[in-house]
Amino acid sequence: RRLCFLLSAVSWLCGIMVVTLVMSLMSQLKYCGPHEIDHFF
């Protein structure tokens, strides 16, 4: 049970840490336009 909880927690923590790093870099960029995103998300 301990390993199950550990693997699950690591999965979530890795996702949070990795995307936090990427988003910290993306948020420092300047966006000049055009502002149309050809996607649904």
PDB file of all heavy atoms in Angstrom:
ATOM      1  N   ARG A   1       0.836  -1.205   0.000  1.00  0.00           N
ATOM      2  CA  ARG A   1       0.000   0.000   0.000  1.00  0.00           C
ATOM      3  C   ARG A   1       0.871   1.256   0.000  1.00  0.00           C
ATOM      4  O   ARG A   1       0.553   2.237  -0.658  1.00  0.00           O
ATOM      5  CB  ARG A   1      -0.925  -0.013   1.213  1.00  0.00           C
ATOM      6  CG  ARG A   1      -1.817   1.207   1.312  1.00  0.00           C
ATOM      7  CD  ARG A   1      -2.813   1.097   2.440  1.00  0.00           C
ATOM      8  NE  ARG A   1      -3.754   0.007   2.226  1.00  0.00           N
ATOM      9  CZ  ARG A   1      -4.780  -0.245   3.036  1.00  0.00           C
ATOM     10  NH1 ARG A   1      -4.975   0.509   4.103  1.00  0.00           N
ATOM     11  NH2 ARG A   1      -5.600  -1.247   2.777  1.00  0.00           N
ATOM     12  N   ARG A   2       1.975   1.199   0.726  1.00  0.00           N
ATOM     13  CA  ARG A   2       2.883   2.344   0.801  1.00  0.00           C
ATOM     14  C   ARG A   2       3.471   2.677  -0.572  1.00  0.00           C
ATOM     15  O   ARG A   2       3.544   3.842  -0.965  1.00  0.00           O
ATOM     16  CB  ARG A   2       4.008   2.049   1.794  1.00  0.00           C
ATOM     17  CG  ARG A   2       4.988   3.206   1.999  1.00  0.00           C
ATOM     18  CD  ARG A   2       5.984   2.865   3.105  1.00  0.00           C
ATOM     19  NE  ARG A   2       6.923   3.954   3.320  1.00  0.00           N
ATOM     20  CZ  ARG A   2       8.049   4.103   2.643  1.00  0.00           C
ATOM     21  NH1 ARG A   2       8.361   3.229   1.684  1.00  0.00           N
ATOM     22  NH2 ARG A   2       8.859   5.117   2.890  1.00  0.00           N
ATOM     23  N   LEU A   3       3.887   1.633  -1.319  1.00  0.00           N
ATOM     24  CA  LEU A   3       4.441   1.858  -2.651  1.00  0.00           C
ATOM     25  C   LEU A   3       3.374   2.402  -3.594  1.00  0.00           C
ATOM     26  O   LEU A   3       3.659   3.272  -4.432  1.00  0.00           O
ATOM     27  CB  LEU A   3       5.028   0.560  -3.212  1.00  0.00           C
ATOM     28  CG  LEU A   3       5.668   0.668  -4.599  1.00  0.00           C
ATOM     29  CD1 LEU A   3       6.808   1.683  -4.598  1.00  0.00           C
ATOM     30  CD2 LEU A   3       6.168  -0.704  -5.081  1.00  0.00           C
ATOM     31  N   CYS A   4       2.148   1.913  -3.488  1.00  0.00           N
ATOM     32  CA  CYS A   4       1.054   2.417  -4.331  1.00  0.00           C
ATOM     33  C   CYS A   4       0.846   3.916  -4.117  1.00  0.00           C
ATOM     34  O   CYS A   4       0.766   4.686  -5.082  1.00  0.00           O
ATOM     35  CB  CYS A   4      -0.235   1.666  -4.028  1.00  0.00           C
ATOM     36  SG  CYS A   4      -0.252  -0.053  -4.559  1.00  0.00           S
ATOM     37  N   PHE A   5       0.768   4.325  -2.854  1.00  0.00           N
ATOM     38  CA  PHE A   5       0.607   5.743  -2.549  1.00  0.00           C
ATOM     39  C   PHE A   5       1.805   6.553  -3.030  1.00  0.00           C
ATOM     40  O   PHE A   5       1.652   7.671  -3.534  1.00  0.00           O
ATOM     41  CB  PHE A   5       0.397   5.943  -1.044  1.00  0.00           C
ATOM     42  CG  PHE A   5      -1.013   5.698  -0.588  1.00  0.00           C
ATOM     43  CD1 PHE A   5      -1.333   4.557   0.128  1.00  0.00           C
ATOM     44  CD2 PHE A   5      -2.027   6.598  -0.895  1.00  0.00           C
ATOM     45  CE1 PHE A   5      -2.637   4.317   0.539  1.00  0.00           C
ATOM     46  CE2 PHE A   5      -3.336   6.372  -0.484  1.00  0.00           C
ATOM     47  CZ  PHE A   5      -3.640   5.225   0.232  1.00  0.00           C
ATOM     48  N   LEU A   6       2.996   5.998  -2.886  1.00  0.00           N
ATOM     49  CA  LEU A   6       4.207   6.698  -3.306  1.00  0.00           C
ATOM     50  C   LEU A   6       4.220   6.903  -4.817  1.00  0.00           C
ATOM     51  O   LEU A   6       4.512   8.012  -5.308  1.00  0.00           O
ATOM     52  CB  LEU A   6       5.440   5.906  -2.868  1.00  0.00           C
ATOM     53  CG  LEU A   6       6.804   6.526  -3.217  1.00  0.00           C
ATOM     54  CD1 LEU A   6       6.965   7.872  -2.527  1.00  0.00           C
ATOM     55  CD2 LEU A   6       7.932   5.576  -2.835  1.00  0.00           C
ATOM     56  N   LEU A   7       3.917   5.864  -5.581  1.00  0.00           N
ATOM     57  CA  LEU A   7       3.896   5.978  -7.047  1.00  0.00           C
ATOM     58  C   LEU A   7       2.843   6.978  -7.512  1.00  0.00           C
ATOM     59  O   LEU A   7       3.079   7.762  -8.437  1.00  0.00           O
ATOM     60  CB  LEU A   7       3.632   4.603  -7.670  1.00  0.00           C
ATOM     61  CG  LEU A   7       4.758   3.571  -7.548  1.00  0.00           C
ATOM     62  CD1 LEU A   7       4.292   2.216  -8.052  1.00  0.00           C
ATOM     63  CD2 LEU A   7       5.994   4.028  -8.317  1.00  0.00           C
ATOM     64  N   SER A   8       1.680   6.942  -6.871  1.00  0.00           N
ATOM     65  CA  SER A   8       0.622   7.889  -7.228  1.00  0.00           C
ATOM     66  C   SER A   8       1.039   9.324  -6.913  1.00  0.00           C
ATOM     67  O   SER A   8       0.850  10.237  -7.728  1.00  0.00           O
ATOM     68  CB  SER A   8      -0.656   7.529  -6.473  1.00  0.00           C
ATOM     69  OG  SER A   8      -1.678   8.466  -6.744  1.00  0.00           O
ATOM     70  N   ALA A   9       1.618   9.532  -5.718  1.00  0.00           N
ATOM     71  CA  ALA A   9       2.043  10.876  -5.319  1.00  0.00           C
ATOM     72  C   ALA A   9       3.140  11.406  -6.227  1.00  0.00           C
ATOM     73  O   ALA A   9       3.134  12.583  -6.624  1.00  0.00           O
ATOM     74  CB  ALA A   9       2.511  10.862  -3.870  1.00  0.00           C
ATOM     75  N   VAL A  10       4.089  10.529  -6.591  1.00  0.00           N
ATOM     76  CA  VAL A  10       5.179  10.945  -7.491  1.00  0.00           C
ATOM     77  C   VAL A  10       4.624  11.351  -8.852  1.00  0.00           C
ATOM     78  O   VAL A  10       5.101  12.319  -9.463  1.00  0.00           O
ATOM     79  CB  VAL A  10       6.216   9.807  -7.628  1.00  0.00           C
ATOM     80  CG1 VAL A  10       7.174  10.083  -8.776  1.00  0.00           C
ATOM     81  CG2 VAL A  10       6.997   9.650  -6.331  1.00  0.00           C
ATOM     82  N   SER A  11       3.623  10.636  -9.336  1.00  0.00           N
ATOM     83  CA  SER A  11       3.008  10.974 -10.627  1.00  0.00           C
ATOM     84  C   SER A  11       2.462  12.401 -10.609  1.00  0.00           C
ATOM     85  O   SER A  11       2.724  13.197 -11.512  1.00  0.00           O
ATOM     86  CB  SER A  11       1.879   9.985 -10.955  1.00  0.00           C
ATOM     87  OG  SER A  11       2.363   8.675 -11.060  1.00  0.00           O
ATOM     88  N   TRP A  12       1.698  12.718  -9.566  1.00  0.00           N
ATOM     89  CA  TRP A  12       1.119  14.060  -9.456  1.00  0.00           C
ATOM     90  C   TRP A  12       2.196  15.121  -9.246  1.00  0.00           C
ATOM     91  O   TRP A  12       2.165  16.195  -9.870  1.00  0.00           O
ATOM     92  CB  TRP A  12       0.121  14.105  -8.301  1.00  0.00           C
ATOM     93  CG  TRP A  12      -1.183  13.445  -8.607  1.00  0.00           C
ATOM     94  CD1 TRP A  12      -1.540  12.157  -8.344  1.00  0.00           C
ATOM     95  CD2 TRP A  12      -2.313  14.034  -9.262  1.00  0.00           C
ATOM     96  NE1 TRP A  12      -2.818  11.907  -8.776  1.00  0.00           N
ATOM     97  CE2 TRP A  12      -3.322  13.040  -9.341  1.00  0.00           C
ATOM     98  CE3 TRP A  12      -2.577  15.302  -9.774  1.00  0.00           C
ATOM     99  CZ2 TRP A  12      -4.561  13.282  -9.915  1.00  0.00           C
ATOM    100  CZ3 TRP A  12      -3.827  15.541 -10.344  1.00  0.00           C
ATOM    101  CH2 TRP A  12      -4.792  14.537 -10.416  1.00  0.00           C
ATOM    102  N   LEU A  13       3.172  14.837  -8.372  1.00  0.00           N
ATOM    103  CA  LEU A  13       4.212  15.825  -8.076  1.00  0.00           C
ATOM    104  C   LEU A  13       5.083  16.118  -9.285  1.00  0.00           C
ATOM    105  O   LEU A  13       5.466  17.275  -9.519  1.00  0.00           O
ATOM    106  CB  LEU A  13       5.078  15.336  -6.916  1.00  0.00           C
ATOM    107  CG  LEU A  13       4.427  15.371  -5.529  1.00  0.00           C
ATOM    108  CD1 LEU A  13       5.332  14.726  -4.484  1.00  0.00           C
ATOM    109  CD2 LEU A  13       4.099  16.813  -5.128  1.00  0.00           C
ATOM    110  N   CYS A  14       5.409  15.087 -10.063  1.00  0.00           N
ATOM    111  CA  CYS A  14       6.199  15.300 -11.278  1.00  0.00           C
ATOM    112  C   CYS A  14       5.448  16.198 -12.256  1.00  0.00           C
ATOM    113  O   CYS A  14       6.039  17.096 -12.870  1.00  0.00           O
ATOM    114  CB  CYS A  14       6.538  13.961 -11.928  1.00  0.00           C
ATOM    115  SG  CYS A  14       7.820  13.032 -11.078  1.00  0.00           S
ATOM    116  N   GLY A  15       4.149  15.941 -12.412  1.00  0.00           N
ATOM    117  CA  GLY A  15       3.349  16.789 -13.293  1.00  0.00           C
ATOM    118  C   GLY A  15       3.342  18.230 -12.837  1.00  0.00           C
ATOM    119  O   GLY A  15       3.523  19.158 -13.632  1.00  0.00           O
ATOM    120  N   ILE A  16       3.159  18.449 -11.546  1.00  0.00           N
ATOM    121  CA  ILE A  16       3.113  19.814 -11.004  1.00  0.00           C
ATOM    122  C   ILE A  16       4.453  20.524 -11.164  1.00  0.00           C
ATOM    123  O   ILE A  16       4.516  21.674 -11.616  1.00  0.00           O
ATOM    124  CB  ILE A  16       2.699  19.771  -9.519  1.00  0.00           C
ATOM    125  CG1 ILE A  16       1.242  19.324  -9.396  1.00  0.00           C
ATOM    126  CG2 ILE A  16       2.887  21.142  -8.861  1.00  0.00           C
ATOM    127  CD1 ILE A  16       0.810  19.027  -7.974  1.00  0.00           C
ATOM    128  N   MET A  17       5.546  19.846 -10.827  1.00  0.00           N
ATOM    129  CA  MET A  17       6.859  20.485 -10.871  1.00  0.00           C
ATOM    130  C   MET A  17       7.292  20.816 -12.296  1.00  0.00           C
ATOM    131  O   MET A  17       7.794  21.913 -12.569  1.00  0.00           O
ATOM    132  CB  MET A  17       7.902  19.587 -10.198  1.00  0.00           C
ATOM    133  CG  MET A  17       7.756  19.481  -8.693  1.00  0.00           C
ATOM    134  SD  MET A  17       9.127  18.620  -7.895  1.00  0.00           S
ATOM    135  CE  MET A  17       8.996  16.986  -8.626  1.00  0.00           C
ATOM    136  N   VAL A  18       7.086  19.868 -13.202  1.00  0.00           N
ATOM    137  CA  VAL A  18       7.507  20.079 -14.589  1.00  0.00           C
ATOM    138  C   VAL A  18       6.749  21.236 -15.231  1.00  0.00           C
ATOM    139  O   VAL A  18       7.346  22.138 -15.837  1.00  0.00           O
ATOM    140  CB  VAL A  18       7.310  18.778 -15.407  1.00  0.00           C
ATOM    141  CG1 VAL A  18       7.416  19.069 -16.900  1.00  0.00           C
ATOM    142  CG2 VAL A  18       8.341  17.746 -15.003  1.00  0.00           C
ATOM    143  N   VAL A  19       5.436  21.239 -15.077  1.00  0.00           N
ATOM    144  CA  VAL A  19       4.628  22.275 -15.727  1.00  0.00           C
ATOM    145  C   VAL A  19       4.827  23.631 -15.039  1.00  0.00           C
ATOM    146  O   VAL A  19       4.758  24.675 -15.696  1.00  0.00           O
ATOM    147  CB  VAL A  19       3.145  21.864 -15.755  1.00  0.00           C
ATOM    148  CG1 VAL A  19       2.304  22.925 -16.453  1.00  0.00           C
ATOM    149  CG2 VAL A  19       2.984  20.531 -16.480  1.00  0.00           C
ATOM    150  N   THR A  20       5.104  23.631 -13.749  1.00  0.00           N
ATOM    151  CA  THR A  20       5.414  24.885 -13.060  1.00  0.00           C
ATOM    152  C   THR A  20       6.664  25.523 -13.647  1.00  0.00           C
ATOM    153  O   THR A  20       6.727  26.750 -13.863  1.00  0.00           O
ATOM    154  CB  THR A  20       5.614  24.647 -11.547  1.00  0.00           C
ATOM    155  OG1 THR A  20       4.402  24.138 -10.993  1.00  0.00           O
ATOM    156  CG2 THR A  20       5.979  25.941 -10.837  1.00  0.00           C
ATOM    157  N   LEU A  21       7.672  24.701 -13.926  1.00  0.00           N
ATOM    158  CA  LEU A  21       8.899  25.207 -14.557  1.00  0.00           C
ATOM    159  C   LEU A  21       8.611  25.798 -15.929  1.00  0.00           C
ATOM    160  O   LEU A  21       9.051  26.915 -16.247  1.00  0.00           O
ATOM    161  CB  LEU A  21       9.918  24.069 -14.671  1.00  0.00           C
ATOM    162  CG  LEU A  21      11.189  24.365 -15.469  1.00  0.00           C
ATOM    163  CD1 LEU A  21      11.986  25.490 -14.819  1.00  0.00           C
ATOM    164  CD2 LEU A  21      12.040  23.098 -15.614  1.00  0.00           C
ATOM    165  N   VAL A  22       7.862  25.072 -16.746  1.00  0.00           N
ATOM    166  CA  VAL A  22       7.555  25.551 -18.107  1.00  0.00           C
ATOM    167  C   VAL A  22       6.716  26.819 -18.055  1.00  0.00           C
ATOM    168  O   VAL A  22       6.979  27.791 -18.779  1.00  0.00           O
ATOM    169  CB  VAL A  22       6.831  24.443 -18.905  1.00  0.00           C
ATOM    170  CG1 VAL A  22       6.352  24.982 -20.253  1.00  0.00           C
ATOM    171  CG2 VAL A  22       7.749  23.248 -19.113  1.00  0.00           C
ATOM    172  N   MET A  23       5.713  26.845 -17.173  1.00  0.00           N
ATOM    173  CA  MET A  23       4.837  28.013 -17.097  1.00  0.00           C
ATOM    174  C   MET A  23       5.564  29.249 -16.584  1.00  0.00           C
ATOM    175  O   MET A  23       5.262  30.375 -16.984  1.00  0.00           O
ATOM    176  CB  MET A  23       3.631  27.713 -16.198  1.00  0.00           C
ATOM    177  CG  MET A  23       2.638  26.743 -16.793  1.00  0.00           C
ATOM    178  SD  MET A  23       2.060  27.229 -18.429  1.00  0.00           S
ATOM    179  CE  MET A  23       1.468  28.876 -18.122  1.00  0.00           C
ATOM    180  N   SER A  24       6.540  29.057 -15.695  1.00  0.00           N
ATOM    181  CA  SER A  24       7.314  30.211 -15.211  1.00  0.00           C
ATOM    182  C   SER A  24       8.091  30.862 -16.348  1.00  0.00           C
ATOM    183  O   SER A  24       8.271  32.085 -16.368  1.00  0.00           O
ATOM    184  CB  SER A  24       8.265  29.767 -14.093  1.00  0.00           C
ATOM    185  OG  SER A  24       9.257  28.883 -14.595  1.00  0.00           O
ATOM    186  N   LEU A  25       8.531  30.062 -17.310  1.00  0.00           N
ATOM    187  CA  LEU A  25       9.238  30.601 -18.469  1.00  0.00           C
ATOM    188  C   LEU A  25       8.258  31.210 -19.480  1.00  0.00           C
ATOM    189  O   LEU A  25       8.528  32.285 -20.043  1.00  0.00           O
ATOM    190  CB  LEU A  25      10.061  29.498 -19.145  1.00  0.00           C
ATOM    191  CG  LEU A  25      11.202  28.899 -18.312  1.00  0.00           C
ATOM    192  CD1 LEU A  25      11.834  27.713 -19.028  1.00  0.00           C
ATOM    193  CD2 LEU A  25      12.261  29.955 -18.017  1.00  0.00           C
ATOM    194  N   MET A  26       7.130  30.546 -19.710  1.00  0.00           N
ATOM    195  CA  MET A  26       6.139  31.067 -20.652  1.00  0.00           C
ATOM    196  C   MET A  26       5.576  32.408 -20.202  1.00  0.00           C
ATOM    197  O   MET A  26       5.316  33.302 -21.021  1.00  0.00           O
ATOM    198  CB  MET A  26       4.994  30.066 -20.834  1.00  0.00           C
ATOM    199  CG  MET A  26       5.344  28.836 -21.640  1.00  0.00           C
ATOM    200  SD  MET A  26       3.936  27.707 -21.820  1.00  0.00           S
ATOM    201  CE  MET A  26       2.814  28.711 -22.804  1.00  0.00           C
ATOM    202  N   SER A  27       5.389  32.568 -18.903  1.00  0.00           N
ATOM    203  CA  SER A  27       4.779  33.793 -18.380  1.00  0.00           C
ATOM    204  C   SER A  27       5.701  35.006 -18.506  1.00  0.00           C
ATOM    205  O   SER A  27       5.239  36.147 -18.403  1.00  0.00           O
ATOM    206  CB  SER A  27       4.385  33.594 -16.913  1.00  0.00           C
ATOM    207  OG  SER A  27       5.531  33.349 -16.119  1.00  0.00           O
ATOM    208  N   GLN A  28       6.988  34.777 -18.722  1.00  0.00           N
ATOM    209  CA  GLN A  28       7.934  35.876 -18.871  1.00  0.00           C
ATOM    210  C   GLN A  28       8.031  36.384 -20.308  1.00  0.00           C
ATOM    211  O   GLN A  28       8.660  37.408 -20.564  1.00  0.00           O
ATOM    212  CB  GLN A  28       9.322  35.446 -18.391  1.00  0.00           C
ATOM    213  CG  GLN A  28       9.382  35.104 -16.910  1.00  0.00           C
ATOM    214  CD  GLN A  28      10.735  34.562 -16.484  1.00  0.00           C
ATOM    215  OE1 GLN A  28      11.747  34.825 -17.127  1.00  0.00           O
ATOM    216  NE2 GLN A  28      10.760  33.797 -15.405  1.00  0.00           N
ATOM    217  N   LEU A  29       7.407  35.654 -21.233  1.00  0.00           N
ATOM    218  CA  LEU A  29       7.448  36.057 -22.635  1.00  0.00           C
ATOM    219  C   LEU A  29       6.459  37.189 -22.899  1.00  0.00           C
ATOM    220  O   LEU A  29       5.488  37.367 -22.168  1.00  0.00           O
ATOM    221  CB  LEU A  29       7.110  34.862 -23.535  1.00  0.00           C
ATOM    222  CG  LEU A  29       8.023  33.638 -23.428  1.00  0.00           C
ATOM    223  CD1 LEU A  29       7.504  32.519 -24.332  1.00  0.00           C
ATOM    224  CD2 LEU A  29       9.460  33.989 -23.776  1.00  0.00           C
ATOM    225  N   LYS A  30       6.724  37.934 -23.976  1.00  0.00           N
ATOM    226  CA  LYS A  30       5.805  38.975 -24.423  1.00  0.00           C
ATOM    227  C   LYS A  30       5.019  38.461 -25.621  1.00  0.00           C
ATOM    228  O   LYS A  30       5.573  37.812 -26.505  1.00  0.00           O
ATOM    229  CB  LYS A  30       6.572  40.244 -24.790  1.00  0.00           C
ATOM    230  CG  LYS A  30       7.266  40.903 -23.609  1.00  0.00           C
ATOM    231  CD  LYS A  30       7.988  42.169 -24.024  1.00  0.00           C
ATOM    232  CE  LYS A  30       8.667  42.840 -22.816  1.00  0.00           C
ATOM    233  NZ  LYS A  30       9.390  44.084 -23.206  1.00  0.00           N
ATOM    234  N   TYR A  31       3.729  38.787 -25.620  1.00  0.00           N
ATOM    235  CA  TYR A  31       2.847  38.318 -26.687  1.00  0.00           C
ATOM    236  C   TYR A  31       2.325  39.527 -27.456  1.00  0.00           C
ATOM    237  O   TYR A  31       1.607  40.359 -26.909  1.00  0.00           O
ATOM    238  CB  TYR A  31       1.708  37.478 -26.095  1.00  0.00           C
ATOM    239  CG  TYR A  31       2.229  36.226 -25.420  1.00  0.00           C
ATOM    240  CD1 TYR A  31       2.608  36.253 -24.080  1.00  0.00           C
ATOM    241  CD2 TYR A  31       2.386  35.048 -26.132  1.00  0.00           C
ATOM    242  CE1 TYR A  31       3.113  35.119 -23.462  1.00  0.00           C
ATOM    243  CE2 TYR A  31       2.887  33.903 -25.524  1.00  0.00           C
ATOM    244  CZ  TYR A  31       3.247  33.951 -24.196  1.00  0.00           C
ATOM    245  OH  TYR A  31       3.761  32.828 -23.600  1.00  0.00           O
ATOM    246  N   CYS A  32       2.713  39.590 -28.739  1.00  0.00           N
ATOM    247  CA  CYS A  32       2.487  40.795 -29.530  1.00  0.00           C
ATOM    248  C   CYS A  32       1.328  40.676 -30.508  1.00  0.00           C
ATOM    249  O   CYS A  32       0.941  41.660 -31.118  1.00  0.00           O
ATOM    250  CB  CYS A  32       3.750  41.134 -30.338  1.00  0.00           C
ATOM    251  SG  CYS A  32       5.247  41.179 -29.355  1.00  0.00           S
ATOM    252  N   GLY A  33       0.823  39.522 -30.719  1.00  0.00           N
ATOM    253  CA  GLY A  33      -0.198  39.341 -31.728  1.00  0.00           C
ATOM    254  C   GLY A  33       0.422  38.837 -33.027  1.00  0.00           C
ATOM    255  O   GLY A  33       1.622  38.964 -33.222  1.00  0.00           O
ATOM    256  N   PRO A  34      -0.369  38.226 -33.906  1.00  0.00           N
ATOM    257  CA  PRO A  34      -1.821  38.054 -33.748  1.00  0.00           C
ATOM    258  C   PRO A  34      -2.142  37.213 -32.513  1.00  0.00           C
ATOM    259  O   PRO A  34      -1.302  36.475 -32.030  1.00  0.00           O
ATOM    260  CB  PRO A  34      -2.234  37.340 -35.031  1.00  0.00           C
ATOM    261  CG  PRO A  34      -1.005  36.588 -35.457  1.00  0.00           C
ATOM    262  CD  PRO A  34       0.147  37.468 -35.082  1.00  0.00           C
ATOM    263  N   HIS A  35      -3.355  37.386 -32.013  1.00  0.00           N
ATOM    264  CA  HIS A  35      -3.732  36.700 -30.781  1.00  0.00           C
ATOM    265  C   HIS A  35      -4.734  35.579 -31.012  1.00  0.00           C
ATOM    266  O   HIS A  35      -5.496  35.224 -30.114  1.00  0.00           O
ATOM    267  CB  HIS A  35      -4.257  37.697 -29.747  1.00  0.00           C
ATOM    268  CG  HIS A  35      -5.435  38.495 -30.226  1.00  0.00           C
ATOM    269  ND1 HIS A  35      -6.010  39.482 -29.477  1.00  0.00           N
ATOM    270  CD2 HIS A  35      -6.142  38.439 -31.377  1.00  0.00           C
ATOM    271  CE1 HIS A  35      -7.017  40.006 -30.139  1.00  0.00           C
ATOM    272  NE2 HIS A  35      -7.117  39.382 -31.281  1.00  0.00           N
ATOM    273  N   GLU A  36      -4.732  35.017 -32.215  1.00  0.00           N
ATOM    274  CA  GLU A  36      -5.632  33.910 -32.528  1.00  0.00           C
ATOM    275  C   GLU A  36      -4.904  32.581 -32.392  1.00  0.00           C
ATOM    276  O   GLU A  36      -3.843  32.371 -32.991  1.00  0.00           O
ATOM    277  CB  GLU A  36      -6.181  34.056 -33.947  1.00  0.00           C
ATOM    278  CG  GLU A  36      -7.115  35.246 -34.117  1.00  0.00           C
ATOM    279  CD  GLU A  36      -7.672  35.322 -35.525  1.00  0.00           C
ATOM    280  OE1 GLU A  36      -7.081  34.689 -36.439  1.00  0.00           O
ATOM    281  OE2 GLU A  36      -8.689  36.001 -35.729  1.00  0.00           O
ATOM    282  N   ILE A  37      -5.444  31.684 -31.569  1.00  0.00           N
ATOM    283  CA  ILE A  37      -4.891  30.341 -31.367  1.00  0.00           C
ATOM    284  C   ILE A  37      -5.726  29.363 -32.173  1.00  0.00           C
ATOM    285  O   ILE A  37      -6.915  29.177 -31.895  1.00  0.00           O
ATOM    286  CB  ILE A  37      -4.910  29.956 -29.870  1.00  0.00           C
ATOM    287  CG1 ILE A  37      -4.067  30.945 -29.056  1.00  0.00           C
ATOM    288  CG2 ILE A  37      -4.397  28.531 -29.684  1.00  0.00           C
ATOM    289  CD1 ILE A  37      -4.138  30.691 -27.561  1.00  0.00           C
ATOM    290  N   ASP A  38      -5.106  28.745 -33.174  1.00  0.00           N
ATOM    291  CA  ASP A  38      -5.832  27.822 -34.045  1.00  0.00           C
ATOM    292  C   ASP A  38      -5.936  26.451 -33.375  1.00  0.00           C
ATOM    293  O   ASP A  38      -5.348  25.465 -33.804  1.00  0.00           O
ATOM    294  CB  ASP A  38      -5.133  27.705 -35.402  1.00  0.00           C
ATOM    295  CG  ASP A  38      -5.990  26.964 -36.424  1.00  0.00           C
ATOM    296  OD1 ASP A  38      -7.193  26.753 -36.142  1.00  0.00           O
ATOM    297  OD2 ASP A  38      -5.464  26.600 -37.492  1.00  0.00           O
ATOM    298  N   HIS A  39      -6.676  26.426 -32.276  1.00  0.00           N
ATOM    299  CA  HIS A  39      -6.865  25.193 -31.501  1.00  0.00           C
ATOM    300  C   HIS A  39      -8.095  25.386 -30.631  1.00  0.00           C
ATOM    301  O   HIS A  39      -8.638  26.488 -30.548  1.00  0.00           O
ATOM    302  CB  HIS A  39      -5.641  24.908 -30.642  1.00  0.00           C
ATOM    303  CG  HIS A  39      -5.323  23.436 -30.537  1.00  0.00           C
ATOM    304  ND1 HIS A  39      -6.277  22.492 -30.250  1.00  0.00           N
ATOM    305  CD2 HIS A  39      -4.153  22.753 -30.658  1.00  0.00           C
ATOM    306  CE1 HIS A  39      -5.712  21.296 -30.222  1.00  0.00           C
ATOM    307  NE2 HIS A  39      -4.411  21.423 -30.465  1.00  0.00           N
ATOM    308  N   PHE A  40      -8.518  24.289 -29.959  1.00  0.00           N
ATOM    309  CA  PHE A  40      -9.684  24.417 -29.086  1.00  0.00           C
ATOM    310  C   PHE A  40      -9.285  24.494 -27.616  1.00  0.00           C
ATOM    311  O   PHE A  40     -10.141  24.596 -26.743  1.00  0.00           O
ATOM    312  CB  PHE A  40     -10.673  23.263 -29.315  1.00  0.00           C
ATOM    313  CG  PHE A  40     -10.100  21.890 -29.119  1.00  0.00           C
ATOM    314  CD1 PHE A  40     -10.122  21.294 -27.859  1.00  0.00           C
ATOM    315  CD2 PHE A  40      -9.560  21.184 -30.179  1.00  0.00           C
ATOM    316  CE1 PHE A  40      -9.607  20.032 -27.671  1.00  0.00           C
ATOM    317  CE2 PHE A  40      -9.038  19.915 -29.994  1.00  0.00           C
ATOM    318  CZ  PHE A  40      -9.057  19.334 -28.739  1.00  0.00           C
ATOM    319  N   PHE A  41      -7.981  24.448 -27.330  1.00  0.00           N
ATOM    320  CA  PHE A  41      -7.495  24.682 -25.976  1.00  0.00           C
ATOM    321  C   PHE A  41      -6.085  25.264 -26.060  1.00  0.00           C
ATOM    322  O   PHE A  41      -5.472  25.292 -27.129  1.00  0.00           O
ATOM    323  CB  PHE A  41      -7.522  23.408 -25.120  1.00  0.00           C
ATOM    324  CG  PHE A  41      -6.512  22.357 -25.517  1.00  0.00           C
ATOM    325  CD1 PHE A  41      -5.313  22.232 -24.841  1.00  0.00           C
ATOM    326  CD2 PHE A  41      -6.770  21.475 -26.563  1.00  0.00           C
ATOM    327  CE1 PHE A  41      -4.385  21.268 -25.198  1.00  0.00           C
ATOM    328  CE2 PHE A  41      -5.861  20.494 -26.919  1.00  0.00           C
ATOM    329  CZ  PHE A  41      -4.656  20.401 -26.234  1.00  0.00           C
TER     330      PHE A  41
END
